[in-house]
């Protein structure tokens, strides 16, 4: 609410946070196993033995992308519903947020 003065749905924001947290971890944690298995970095083509972990990593990046779209929808919903902030926790004259 600092920039726009609008409140966002806190439940949806928590769901989005956990979706993004899972998506990032599912994206990058399998890369650790691929590195231990000997997959070189920066290759456009890789042996078929690495396919499973690359699919898991791709699913994680898809989940991260969906959570970003979900966050944009949360922002859009807060602007459409126009839930204004009644009590502000910050002072307008303060330079700190």
PDB file of N, CA and C in Angstrom:
ATOM      1  N   UNK A   1       0.805  -1.214   0.000  1.00  0.00           N
ATOM      2  CA  UNK A   1       0.000   0.000   0.000  1.00  0.00           C
ATOM      3  C   UNK A   1       0.842   1.271   0.000  1.00  0.00           C
ATOM      4  N   UNK A   2       2.141   1.158   0.040  1.00  0.00           N
ATOM      5  CA  UNK A   2       2.982   2.350   0.115  1.00  0.00           C
ATOM      6  C   UNK A   2       2.925   3.166  -1.176  1.00  0.00           C
ATOM      7  N   UNK A   3       3.006   2.518  -2.313  1.00  0.00           N
ATOM      8  CA  UNK A   3       3.020   3.252  -3.577  1.00  0.00           C
ATOM      9  C   UNK A   3       1.629   3.681  -4.005  1.00  0.00           C
ATOM     10  N   UNK A   4       0.675   2.766  -3.942  1.00  0.00           N
ATOM     11  CA  UNK A   4      -0.652   3.042  -4.490  1.00  0.00           C
ATOM     12  C   UNK A   4      -1.678   3.407  -3.441  1.00  0.00           C
ATOM     13  N   UNK A   5      -1.454   3.057  -2.191  1.00  0.00           N
ATOM     14  CA  UNK A   5      -2.452   3.283  -1.152  1.00  0.00           C
ATOM     15  C   UNK A   5      -3.540   2.234  -1.144  1.00  0.00           C
ATOM     16  N   UNK A   6      -3.369   1.168  -1.919  1.00  0.00           N
ATOM     17  CA  UNK A   6      -4.360   0.097  -2.007  1.00  0.00           C
ATOM     18  C   UNK A   6      -3.879  -1.129  -1.245  1.00  0.00           C
ATOM     19  N   UNK A   7      -4.822  -1.872  -0.699  1.00  0.00           N
ATOM     20  CA  UNK A   7      -4.499  -3.114   0.006  1.00  0.00           C
ATOM     21  C   UNK A   7      -4.695  -4.303  -0.917  1.00  0.00           C
ATOM     22  N   UNK A   8      -3.790  -5.262  -0.810  1.00  0.00           N
ATOM     23  CA  UNK A   8      -3.922  -6.503  -1.565  1.00  0.00           C
ATOM     24  C   UNK A   8      -4.407  -7.597  -0.636  1.00  0.00           C
ATOM     25  N   UNK A   9      -4.995  -8.624  -1.216  1.00  0.00           N
ATOM     26  CA  UNK A   9      -5.518  -9.746  -0.450  1.00  0.00           C
ATOM     27  C   UNK A   9      -4.344 -10.515   0.167  1.00  0.00           C
ATOM     28  N   UNK A  10      -4.275 -10.534   1.485  1.00  0.00           N
ATOM     29  CA  UNK A  10      -3.118 -11.149   2.149  1.00  0.00           C
ATOM     30  C   UNK A  10      -3.092 -12.664   1.970  1.00  0.00           C
ATOM     31  N   UNK A  11      -4.245 -13.311   1.897  1.00  0.00           N
ATOM     32  CA  UNK A  11      -4.271 -14.762   1.680  1.00  0.00           C
ATOM     33  C   UNK A  11      -3.716 -15.108   0.303  1.00  0.00           C
ATOM     34  N   UNK A  12      -4.134 -14.358  -0.717  1.00  0.00           N
ATOM     35  CA  UNK A  12      -3.624 -14.620  -2.059  1.00  0.00           C
ATOM     36  C   UNK A  12      -2.131 -14.323  -2.153  1.00  0.00           C
ATOM     37  N   UNK A  13      -1.675 -13.315  -1.432  1.00  0.00           N
ATOM     38  CA  UNK A  13      -0.242 -13.013  -1.433  1.00  0.00           C
ATOM     39  C   UNK A  13       0.567 -14.125  -0.776  1.00  0.00           C
ATOM     40  N   UNK A  14       0.029 -14.731   0.278  1.00  0.00           N
ATOM     41  CA  UNK A  14       0.731 -15.846   0.925  1.00  0.00           C
ATOM     42  C   UNK A  14       0.772 -17.066   0.015  1.00  0.00           C
ATOM     43  N   UNK A  15      -0.334 -17.325  -0.684  1.00  0.00           N
ATOM     44  CA  UNK A  15      -0.365 -18.441  -1.635  1.00  0.00           C
ATOM     45  C   UNK A  15       0.652 -18.201  -2.752  1.00  0.00           C
ATOM     46  N   UNK A  16       0.710 -16.969  -3.245  1.00  0.00           N
ATOM     47  CA  UNK A  16       1.652 -16.635  -4.305  1.00  0.00           C
ATOM     48  C   UNK A  16       3.091 -16.781  -3.822  1.00  0.00           C
ATOM     49  N   UNK A  17       3.370 -16.380  -2.586  1.00  0.00           N
ATOM     50  CA  UNK A  17       4.723 -16.513  -2.049  1.00  0.00           C
ATOM     51  C   UNK A  17       5.148 -17.974  -2.003  1.00  0.00           C
ATOM     52  N   UNK A  18       4.279 -18.850  -1.508  1.00  0.00           N
ATOM     53  CA  UNK A  18       4.656 -20.257  -1.414  1.00  0.00           C
ATOM     54  C   UNK A  18       4.746 -20.909  -2.785  1.00  0.00           C
ATOM     55  N   UNK A  19       3.902 -20.473  -3.732  1.00  0.00           N
ATOM     56  CA  UNK A  19       4.030 -20.978  -5.099  1.00  0.00           C
ATOM     57  C   UNK A  19       5.381 -20.580  -5.692  1.00  0.00           C
ATOM     58  N   UNK A  20       5.771 -19.340  -5.491  1.00  0.00           N
ATOM     59  CA  UNK A  20       7.050 -18.863  -6.026  1.00  0.00           C
ATOM     60  C   UNK A  20       8.226 -19.545  -5.327  1.00  0.00           C
ATOM     61  N   UNK A  21       8.114 -19.733  -4.017  1.00  0.00           N
ATOM     62  CA  UNK A  21       9.166 -20.414  -3.260  1.00  0.00           C
ATOM     63  C   UNK A  21       9.360 -21.840  -3.777  1.00  0.00           C
ATOM     64  N   UNK A  22       8.258 -22.558  -3.955  1.00  0.00           N
ATOM     65  CA  UNK A  22       8.353 -23.919  -4.484  1.00  0.00           C
ATOM     66  C   UNK A  22       8.876 -23.925  -5.913  1.00  0.00           C
ATOM     67  N   UNK A  23       8.399 -22.997  -6.729  1.00  0.00           N
ATOM     68  CA  UNK A  23       8.835 -22.951  -8.118  1.00  0.00           C
ATOM     69  C   UNK A  23      10.327 -22.717  -8.257  1.00  0.00           C
ATOM     70  N   UNK A  24      10.865 -21.789  -7.482  1.00  0.00           N
ATOM     71  CA  UNK A  24      12.303 -21.499  -7.564  1.00  0.00           C
ATOM     72  C   UNK A  24      13.120 -22.690  -7.065  1.00  0.00           C
ATOM     73  N   UNK A  25      12.680 -23.306  -5.971  1.00  0.00           N
ATOM     74  CA  UNK A  25      13.424 -24.455  -5.455  1.00  0.00           C
ATOM     75  C   UNK A  25      13.329 -25.660  -6.384  1.00  0.00           C
ATOM     76  N   UNK A  26      12.163 -25.876  -6.984  1.00  0.00           N
ATOM     77  CA  UNK A  26      12.021 -26.992  -7.923  1.00  0.00           C
ATOM     78  C   UNK A  26      12.802 -26.710  -9.207  1.00  0.00           C
ATOM     79  N   UNK A  27      13.003 -25.450  -9.532  1.00  0.00           N
ATOM     80  CA  UNK A  27      13.790 -25.109 -10.721  1.00  0.00           C
ATOM     81  C   UNK A  27      15.280 -25.365 -10.505  1.00  0.00           C
ATOM     82  N   UNK A  28      15.814 -24.897  -9.391  1.00  0.00           N
ATOM     83  CA  UNK A  28      17.271 -24.886  -9.243  1.00  0.00           C
ATOM     84  C   UNK A  28      17.836 -26.051  -8.440  1.00  0.00           C
ATOM     85  N   UNK A  29      17.053 -26.706  -7.608  1.00  0.00           N
ATOM     86  CA  UNK A  29      17.595 -27.828  -6.838  1.00  0.00           C
ATOM     87  C   UNK A  29      17.951 -29.026  -7.720  1.00  0.00           C
ATOM     88  N   UNK A  30      17.145 -29.378  -8.740  1.00  0.00           N
ATOM     89  CA  UNK A  30      17.579 -30.476  -9.626  1.00  0.00           C
ATOM     90  C   UNK A  30      18.863 -30.178 -10.390  1.00  0.00           C
ATOM     91  N   UNK A  31      19.187 -28.899 -10.573  1.00  0.00           N
ATOM     92  CA  UNK A  31      20.436 -28.568 -11.252  1.00  0.00           C
ATOM     93  C   UNK A  31      21.650 -29.029 -10.439  1.00  0.00           C
ATOM     94  N   UNK A  32      21.483 -29.072  -9.120  1.00  0.00           N
ATOM     95  CA  UNK A  32      22.548 -29.597  -8.255  1.00  0.00           C
ATOM     96  C   UNK A  32      22.795 -31.073  -8.560  1.00  0.00           C
ATOM     97  N   UNK A  33      21.701 -31.839  -8.679  1.00  0.00           N
ATOM     98  CA  UNK A  33      21.845 -33.266  -8.989  1.00  0.00           C
ATOM     99  C   UNK A  33      22.416 -33.471 -10.388  1.00  0.00           C
ATOM    100  N   UNK A  34      22.025 -32.618 -11.331  1.00  0.00           N
ATOM    101  CA  UNK A  34      22.577 -32.734 -12.681  1.00  0.00           C
ATOM    102  C   UNK A  34      24.076 -32.449 -12.686  1.00  0.00           C
ATOM    103  N   UNK A  35      24.497 -31.487 -11.892  1.00  0.00           N
ATOM    104  CA  UNK A  35      25.929 -31.200 -11.806  1.00  0.00           C
ATOM    105  C   UNK A  35      26.700 -32.336 -11.168  1.00  0.00           C
ATOM    106  N   UNK A  36      26.112 -32.952 -10.144  1.00  0.00           N
ATOM    107  CA  UNK A  36      26.775 -34.099  -9.521  1.00  0.00           C
ATOM    108  C   UNK A  36      26.847 -35.292 -10.464  1.00  0.00           C
ATOM    109  N   UNK A  37      25.852 -35.404 -11.360  1.00  0.00           N
ATOM    110  CA  UNK A  37      25.843 -36.510 -12.314  1.00  0.00           C
ATOM    111  C   UNK A  37      26.786 -36.263 -13.486  1.00  0.00           C
ATOM    112  N   UNK A  38      27.322 -35.049 -13.592  1.00  0.00           N
ATOM    113  CA  UNK A  38      28.307 -34.781 -14.629  1.00  0.00           C
ATOM    114  C   UNK A  38      27.789 -34.038 -15.837  1.00  0.00           C
ATOM    115  N   UNK A  39      26.592 -33.474 -15.765  1.00  0.00           N
ATOM    116  CA  UNK A  39      26.083 -32.729 -16.912  1.00  0.00           C
ATOM    117  C   UNK A  39      26.819 -31.395 -17.031  1.00  0.00           C
ATOM    118  N   UNK A  40      27.416 -31.123 -18.186  1.00  0.00           N
ATOM    119  CA  UNK A  40      28.104 -29.837 -18.356  1.00  0.00           C
ATOM    120  C   UNK A  40      27.100 -28.692 -18.520  1.00  0.00           C
ATOM    121  N   UNK A  41      27.532 -27.512 -18.127  1.00  0.00           N
ATOM    122  CA  UNK A  41      26.668 -26.340 -18.253  1.00  0.00           C
ATOM    123  C   UNK A  41      26.767 -25.757 -19.653  1.00  0.00           C
ATOM    124  N   UNK A  42      25.770 -24.936 -20.001  1.00  0.00           N
ATOM    125  CA  UNK A  42      25.733 -24.163 -21.247  1.00  0.00           C
ATOM    126  C   UNK A  42      25.754 -25.045 -22.487  1.00  0.00           C
ATOM    127  N   UNK A  43      25.088 -26.183 -22.431  1.00  0.00           N
ATOM    128  CA  UNK A  43      24.949 -27.027 -23.606  1.00  0.00           C
ATOM    129  C   UNK A  43      23.520 -26.927 -24.098  1.00  0.00           C
ATOM    130  N   UNK A  44      23.357 -26.785 -25.405  1.00  0.00           N
ATOM    131  CA  UNK A  44      22.006 -26.729 -25.949  1.00  0.00           C
ATOM    132  C   UNK A  44      21.397 -28.120 -26.085  1.00  0.00           C
ATOM    133  N   UNK A  45      22.243 -29.136 -26.184  1.00  0.00           N
ATOM    134  CA  UNK A  45      21.772 -30.515 -26.285  1.00  0.00           C
ATOM    135  C   UNK A  45      22.492 -31.334 -25.222  1.00  0.00           C
ATOM    136  N   UNK A  46      21.796 -32.288 -24.644  1.00  0.00           N
ATOM    137  CA  UNK A  46      22.367 -33.070 -23.557  1.00  0.00           C
ATOM    138  C   UNK A  46      21.974 -34.538 -23.726  1.00  0.00           C
ATOM    139  N   UNK A  47      22.733 -35.460 -23.123  1.00  0.00           N
ATOM    140  CA  UNK A  47      22.387 -36.877 -23.220  1.00  0.00           C
ATOM    141  C   UNK A  47      21.034 -37.181 -22.566  1.00  0.00           C
ATOM    142  N   UNK A  48      20.421 -38.252 -23.020  1.00  0.00           N
ATOM    143  CA  UNK A  48      19.087 -38.618 -22.536  1.00  0.00           C
ATOM    144  C   UNK A  48      19.065 -39.027 -21.073  1.00  0.00           C
ATOM    145  N   UNK A  49      20.198 -39.335 -20.505  1.00  0.00           N
ATOM    146  CA  UNK A  49      20.220 -39.741 -19.094  1.00  0.00           C
ATOM    147  C   UNK A  49      19.892 -38.580 -18.160  1.00  0.00           C
ATOM    148  N   UNK A  50      19.981 -37.351 -18.643  1.00  0.00           N
ATOM    149  CA  UNK A  50      19.679 -36.174 -17.817  1.00  0.00           C
ATOM    150  C   UNK A  50      18.255 -35.652 -18.015  1.00  0.00           C
ATOM    151  N   UNK A  51      17.457 -36.344 -18.796  1.00  0.00           N
ATOM    152  CA  UNK A  51      16.133 -35.841 -19.164  1.00  0.00           C
ATOM    153  C   UNK A  51      15.214 -35.680 -17.966  1.00  0.00           C
ATOM    154  N   UNK A  52      15.215 -36.623 -17.046  1.00  0.00           N
ATOM    155  CA  UNK A  52      14.274 -36.584 -15.923  1.00  0.00           C
ATOM    156  C   UNK A  52      14.458 -35.333 -15.079  1.00  0.00           C
ATOM    157  N   UNK A  53      15.703 -35.046 -14.698  1.00  0.00           N
ATOM    158  CA  UNK A  53      15.931 -33.868 -13.863  1.00  0.00           C
ATOM    159  C   UNK A  53      15.689 -32.577 -14.626  1.00  0.00           C
ATOM    160  N   UNK A  54      15.942 -32.577 -15.940  1.00  0.00           N
ATOM    161  CA  UNK A  54      15.654 -31.382 -16.728  1.00  0.00           C
ATOM    162  C   UNK A  54      14.153 -31.146 -16.850  1.00  0.00           C
ATOM    163  N   UNK A  55      13.366 -32.207 -16.906  1.00  0.00           N
ATOM    164  CA  UNK A  55      11.905 -32.057 -16.929  1.00  0.00           C
ATOM    165  C   UNK A  55      11.410 -31.506 -15.599  1.00  0.00           C
ATOM    166  N   UNK A  56      11.961 -32.020 -14.492  1.00  0.00           N
ATOM    167  CA  UNK A  56      11.572 -31.505 -13.169  1.00  0.00           C
ATOM    168  C   UNK A  56      11.932 -30.024 -13.057  1.00  0.00           C
ATOM    169  N   UNK A  57      13.111 -29.661 -13.532  1.00  0.00           N
ATOM    170  CA  UNK A  57      13.534 -28.264 -13.491  1.00  0.00           C
ATOM    171  C   UNK A  57      12.642 -27.388 -14.365  1.00  0.00           C
ATOM    172  N   UNK A  58      12.233 -27.898 -15.510  1.00  0.00           N
ATOM    173  CA  UNK A  58      11.328 -27.143 -16.379  1.00  0.00           C
ATOM    174  C   UNK A  58       9.958 -26.966 -15.749  1.00  0.00           C
ATOM    175  N   UNK A  59       9.488 -27.981 -15.022  1.00  0.00           N
ATOM    176  CA  UNK A  59       8.205 -27.832 -14.323  1.00  0.00           C
ATOM    177  C   UNK A  59       8.299 -26.772 -13.232  1.00  0.00           C
ATOM    178  N   UNK A  60       9.439 -26.694 -12.564  1.00  0.00           N
ATOM    179  CA  UNK A  60       9.630 -25.661 -11.552  1.00  0.00           C
ATOM    180  C   UNK A  60       9.632 -24.265 -12.147  1.00  0.00           C
ATOM    181  N   UNK A  61      10.259 -24.112 -13.301  1.00  0.00           N
ATOM    182  CA  UNK A  61      10.257 -22.788 -13.932  1.00  0.00           C
ATOM    183  C   UNK A  61       8.869 -22.422 -14.433  1.00  0.00           C
ATOM    184  N   UNK A  62       8.095 -23.402 -14.850  1.00  0.00           N
ATOM    185  CA  UNK A  62       6.708 -23.138 -15.240  1.00  0.00           C
ATOM    186  C   UNK A  62       5.889 -22.701 -14.037  1.00  0.00           C
ATOM    187  N   UNK A  63       6.106 -23.335 -12.892  1.00  0.00           N
ATOM    188  CA  UNK A  63       5.407 -22.933 -11.672  1.00  0.00           C
ATOM    189  C   UNK A  63       5.803 -21.516 -11.258  1.00  0.00           C
ATOM    190  N   UNK A  64       7.059 -21.158 -11.411  1.00  0.00           N
ATOM    191  CA  UNK A  64       7.496 -19.790 -11.110  1.00  0.00           C
ATOM    192  C   UNK A  64       6.823 -18.788 -12.036  1.00  0.00           C
ATOM    193  N   UNK A  65       6.715 -19.126 -13.310  1.00  0.00           N
ATOM    194  CA  UNK A  65       6.057 -18.238 -14.266  1.00  0.00           C
ATOM    195  C   UNK A  65       4.578 -18.060 -13.930  1.00  0.00           C
ATOM    196  N   UNK A  66       3.915 -19.152 -13.562  1.00  0.00           N
ATOM    197  CA  UNK A  66       2.501 -19.072 -13.187  1.00  0.00           C
ATOM    198  C   UNK A  66       2.327 -18.218 -11.943  1.00  0.00           C
ATOM    199  N   UNK A  67       3.251 -18.323 -10.994  1.00  0.00           N
ATOM    200  CA  UNK A  67       3.125 -17.511  -9.780  1.00  0.00           C
ATOM    201  C   UNK A  67       3.363 -16.031 -10.064  1.00  0.00           C
ATOM    202  N   UNK A  68       4.190 -15.699 -11.039  1.00  0.00           N
ATOM    203  CA  UNK A  68       4.373 -14.294 -11.421  1.00  0.00           C
ATOM    204  C   UNK A  68       3.099 -13.755 -12.061  1.00  0.00           C
ATOM    205  N   UNK A  69       2.482 -14.545 -12.921  1.00  0.00           N
ATOM    206  CA  UNK A  69       1.201 -14.138 -13.515  1.00  0.00           C
ATOM    207  C   UNK A  69       0.148 -13.982 -12.427  1.00  0.00           C
ATOM    208  N   UNK A  70       0.152 -14.880 -11.453  1.00  0.00           N
ATOM    209  CA  UNK A  70      -0.782 -14.802 -10.332  1.00  0.00           C
ATOM    210  C   UNK A  70      -0.562 -13.518  -9.534  1.00  0.00           C
ATOM    211  N   UNK A  71       0.704 -13.122  -9.342  1.00  0.00           N
ATOM    212  CA  UNK A  71       1.004 -11.880  -8.633  1.00  0.00           C
ATOM    213  C   UNK A  71       0.485 -10.666  -9.397  1.00  0.00           C
ATOM    214  N   UNK A  72       0.634 -10.679 -10.711  1.00  0.00           N
ATOM    215  CA  UNK A  72       0.092  -9.581 -11.507  1.00  0.00           C
ATOM    216  C   UNK A  72      -1.428  -9.522 -11.405  1.00  0.00           C
ATOM    217  N   UNK A  73      -2.075 -10.681 -11.338  1.00  0.00           N
ATOM    218  CA  UNK A  73      -3.530 -10.710 -11.155  1.00  0.00           C
ATOM    219  C   UNK A  73      -3.935 -10.189  -9.780  1.00  0.00           C
ATOM    220  N   UNK A  74      -3.123 -10.446  -8.767  1.00  0.00           N
ATOM    221  CA  UNK A  74      -3.406  -9.923  -7.422  1.00  0.00           C
ATOM    222  C   UNK A  74      -3.318  -8.398  -7.431  1.00  0.00           C
ATOM    223  N   UNK A  75      -2.305  -7.867  -8.097  1.00  0.00           N
ATOM    224  CA  UNK A  75      -2.180  -6.411  -8.199  1.00  0.00           C
ATOM    225  C   UNK A  75      -3.365  -5.832  -8.966  1.00  0.00           C
ATOM    226  N   UNK A  76      -3.741  -6.475 -10.066  1.00  0.00           N
ATOM    227  CA  UNK A  76      -4.878  -6.014 -10.863  1.00  0.00           C
ATOM    228  C   UNK A  76      -6.169  -6.053 -10.053  1.00  0.00           C
ATOM    229  N   UNK A  77      -6.350  -7.118  -9.272  1.00  0.00           N
ATOM    230  CA  UNK A  77      -7.561  -7.235  -8.447  1.00  0.00           C
ATOM    231  C   UNK A  77      -7.610  -6.144  -7.389  1.00  0.00           C
ATOM    232  N   UNK A  78      -6.478  -5.784  -6.823  1.00  0.00           N
ATOM    233  CA  UNK A  78      -6.478  -4.725  -5.809  1.00  0.00           C
ATOM    234  C   UNK A  78      -6.794  -3.369  -6.428  1.00  0.00           C
ATOM    235  N   UNK A  79      -6.381  -3.159  -7.659  1.00  0.00           N
ATOM    236  CA  UNK A  79      -6.696  -1.890  -8.316  1.00  0.00           C
ATOM    237  C   UNK A  79      -8.159  -1.820  -8.741  1.00  0.00           C
ATOM    238  N   UNK A  80      -8.712  -2.953  -9.167  1.00  0.00           N
ATOM    239  CA  UNK A  80     -10.114  -2.975  -9.595  1.00  0.00           C
ATOM    240  C   UNK A  80     -11.047  -2.840  -8.398  1.00  0.00           C
ATOM    241  N   UNK A  81     -10.754  -3.562  -7.315  1.00  0.00           N
ATOM    242  CA  UNK A  81     -11.637  -3.517  -6.144  1.00  0.00           C
ATOM    243  C   UNK A  81     -11.489  -2.218  -5.360  1.00  0.00           C
ATOM    244  N   UNK A  82     -10.351  -1.528  -5.528  1.00  0.00           N
ATOM    245  CA  UNK A  82     -10.104  -0.218  -4.923  1.00  0.00           C
ATOM    246  C   UNK A  82     -10.279  -0.242  -3.406  1.00  0.00           C
ATOM    247  N   UNK A  83      -9.668  -1.233  -2.770  1.00  0.00           N
ATOM    248  CA  UNK A  83      -9.673  -1.301  -1.305  1.00  0.00           C
ATOM    249  C   UNK A  83      -8.605  -0.354  -0.775  1.00  0.00           C
ATOM    250  N   UNK A  84      -9.036   0.798  -0.326  1.00  0.00           N
ATOM    251  CA  UNK A  84      -8.066   1.783   0.141  1.00  0.00           C
ATOM    252  C   UNK A  84      -7.616   1.476   1.559  1.00  0.00           C
ATOM    253  N   UNK A  85      -6.470   2.001   1.892  1.00  0.00           N
ATOM    254  CA  UNK A  85      -5.882   1.822   3.205  1.00  0.00           C
ATOM    255  C   UNK A  85      -6.436   2.901   4.142  1.00  0.00           C
ATOM    256  N   UNK A  86      -7.017   2.491   5.269  1.00  0.00           N
ATOM    257  CA  UNK A  86      -7.612   3.456   6.198  1.00  0.00           C
ATOM    258  C   UNK A  86      -6.552   4.018   7.137  1.00  0.00           C
ATOM    259  N   UNK A  87      -5.776   3.145   7.756  1.00  0.00           N
ATOM    260  CA  UNK A  87      -4.743   3.568   8.701  1.00  0.00           C
ATOM    261  C   UNK A  87      -3.373   3.243   8.120  1.00  0.00           C
ATOM    262  N   UNK A  88      -2.557   4.246   7.924  1.00  0.00           N
ATOM    263  CA  UNK A  88      -1.212   4.046   7.391  1.00  0.00           C
ATOM    264  C   UNK A  88      -0.233   3.875   8.546  1.00  0.00           C
ATOM    265  N   UNK A  89       0.683   2.945   8.401  1.00  0.00           N
ATOM    266  CA  UNK A  89       1.691   2.696   9.429  1.00  0.00           C
ATOM    267  C   UNK A  89       2.938   3.542   9.235  1.00  0.00           C
ATOM    268  N   UNK A  90       2.996   4.309   8.185  1.00  0.00           N
ATOM    269  CA  UNK A  90       4.183   5.123   7.928  1.00  0.00           C
ATOM    270  C   UNK A  90       3.793   6.596   7.910  1.00  0.00           C
ATOM    271  N   UNK A  91       4.757   7.428   8.190  1.00  0.00           N
ATOM    272  CA  UNK A  91       4.532   8.868   8.167  1.00  0.00           C
ATOM    273  C   UNK A  91       4.850   9.409   6.776  1.00  0.00           C
ATOM    274  N   UNK A  92       4.055  10.335   6.313  1.00  0.00           N
ATOM    275  CA  UNK A  92       4.291  10.892   4.985  1.00  0.00           C
ATOM    276  C   UNK A  92       5.570  11.709   4.920  1.00  0.00           C
ATOM    277  N   UNK A  93       5.995  12.267   6.046  1.00  0.00           N
ATOM    278  CA  UNK A  93       7.203  13.087   6.033  1.00  0.00           C
ATOM    279  C   UNK A  93       8.476  12.268   6.224  1.00  0.00           C
ATOM    280  N   UNK A  94       8.342  10.976   6.491  1.00  0.00           N
ATOM    281  CA  UNK A  94       9.508  10.133   6.724  1.00  0.00           C
ATOM    282  C   UNK A  94      10.135   9.718   5.395  1.00  0.00           C
ATOM    283  N   UNK A  95      11.471   9.631   5.348  1.00  0.00           N
ATOM    284  CA  UNK A  95      12.146   9.189   4.132  1.00  0.00           C
ATOM    285  C   UNK A  95      12.313   7.672   4.104  1.00  0.00           C
ATOM    286  N   UNK A  96      12.063   7.009   5.228  1.00  0.00           N
ATOM    287  CA  UNK A  96      12.206   5.560   5.280  1.00  0.00           C
ATOM    288  C   UNK A  96      10.857   4.908   5.037  1.00  0.00           C
ATOM    289  N   UNK A  97      10.904   3.738   4.416  1.00  0.00           N
ATOM    290  CA  UNK A  97       9.674   3.026   4.156  1.00  0.00           C
ATOM    291  C   UNK A  97       9.467   2.023   5.253  1.00  0.00           C
TER     292      UNK A  97
END
